[in-house]
Amino acid sequence: MTLLIVLIAVALFFDFLNGLHDAANSIATIVSTRVLAPRYAVIWAAFFNFVAFLIFGLHVASTVGSGIVDVTMVTDRVILGALGGAISWNLVTWYAGIPSSSSHALIGGLLGAGIAKAGLGAIVWPGVIATSAAIVLSPALGFGLGLLLMLAVSWIFVRSTPHAVDRLFRGMQFISASLYSLGHGGNDAQKTMGIIAVLLYAHGEGGGAFHVPLWVVLSCQTAMALGTLLGGWRIVHTMGSKITRLTPMQGFCAESGGAVTLFAATAFGIPVSTTHTITGAIIGVGAAKRVSAVRWNVAQGIVVAWVITMPAAALVAALVYGASGFVLP
């Protein structure tokens, strides 16, 4: 029982780190457009991160808990390895200011530890294929929606004065930032819920069936909200100003496009990357203005981080799994 409590605490630490690492996804645009000061933006985002469980089901939690690695293969060492890989990668990329995916770090960690235990037979291929496809599809959809929204809004307000448009979208950004924070809390917090739920199942605490208890839901939402409150300012700078300079109208379009993508993915139970999604949307609104408005060298570096996240986290997870054999059965 003591080991179970320790592993749950480690999972909640990952969830807290997820909020810390991915706070930029929710607030970078509204901060960079100076609509909201950073200290108020994180409070705003943290609130909507927390209440997200009231809006969405638990489809993503079920996918992570039982749709990536066969639940019968899950042991304490597998969970420790998965969390070790994900946390290590998150800390490295957070320190470097790289907006990588906490979600795919966790998925990579699960795969690395699961394969280290039972080989490729541990993998639930449909869930892994859907999650891997989302690495490409979520930023592409965010890009497309951000681009189309930007073009549509520009056409609608073509006769309005810049001052009037700026004032309108400063108010509208409160709505779009709220929606994106809801999507962030709804998709990302559920990944840790899935980890804790499958851990309880492995310990025989699930009543014989995989499910997510309410206390797990509340504790995960709280941990993520607290992480968001502390913010990830290195990544906020990258997301909010290094990729492209944003106006309130661009910020609204990026957040709205990203929110639609997250809402759809969460409804279908697909654990997508909120980082990939908002980055794609920001590039889309920048490209709608002109191609040269996007700093493509920065975007290229971010894409490289996306590609190596899952294998890097998987490798560390496999190493942690192997090393933990000296102290765990």
Foldseek 3Di string as FASTA:
>chain_A
DVLLVVLLVLLLLLLLLQLQLCLLLLCLALCLQVLDPLLVSLLLLLVLLQCLPVPFPLLLLCCLQDVFFHLVLDDSLLSQLLSQLLVVLSVVCLVVLFNEFSLLLSSLSNVLSSCLRPNPVGGNPVSVVLQVVLLPVQLQQLLVQLQVLLVVVCVVCVVPDPVVVLVVLSVLLSVLSSLLSSLCSLQSLSNSQSSSQSHCVNVVNNVNDGDGDPVSSNSSSNSSSNSSSVHRVSNSCLQNPVFARDHSSSSSSLSNSLSVSSVVCSNVNHRHGSSSNSSSSSQNSQVSVPNVRGPVVSVVVNVVSHVCSSVSSSVSSSVSSVVCVVPDD
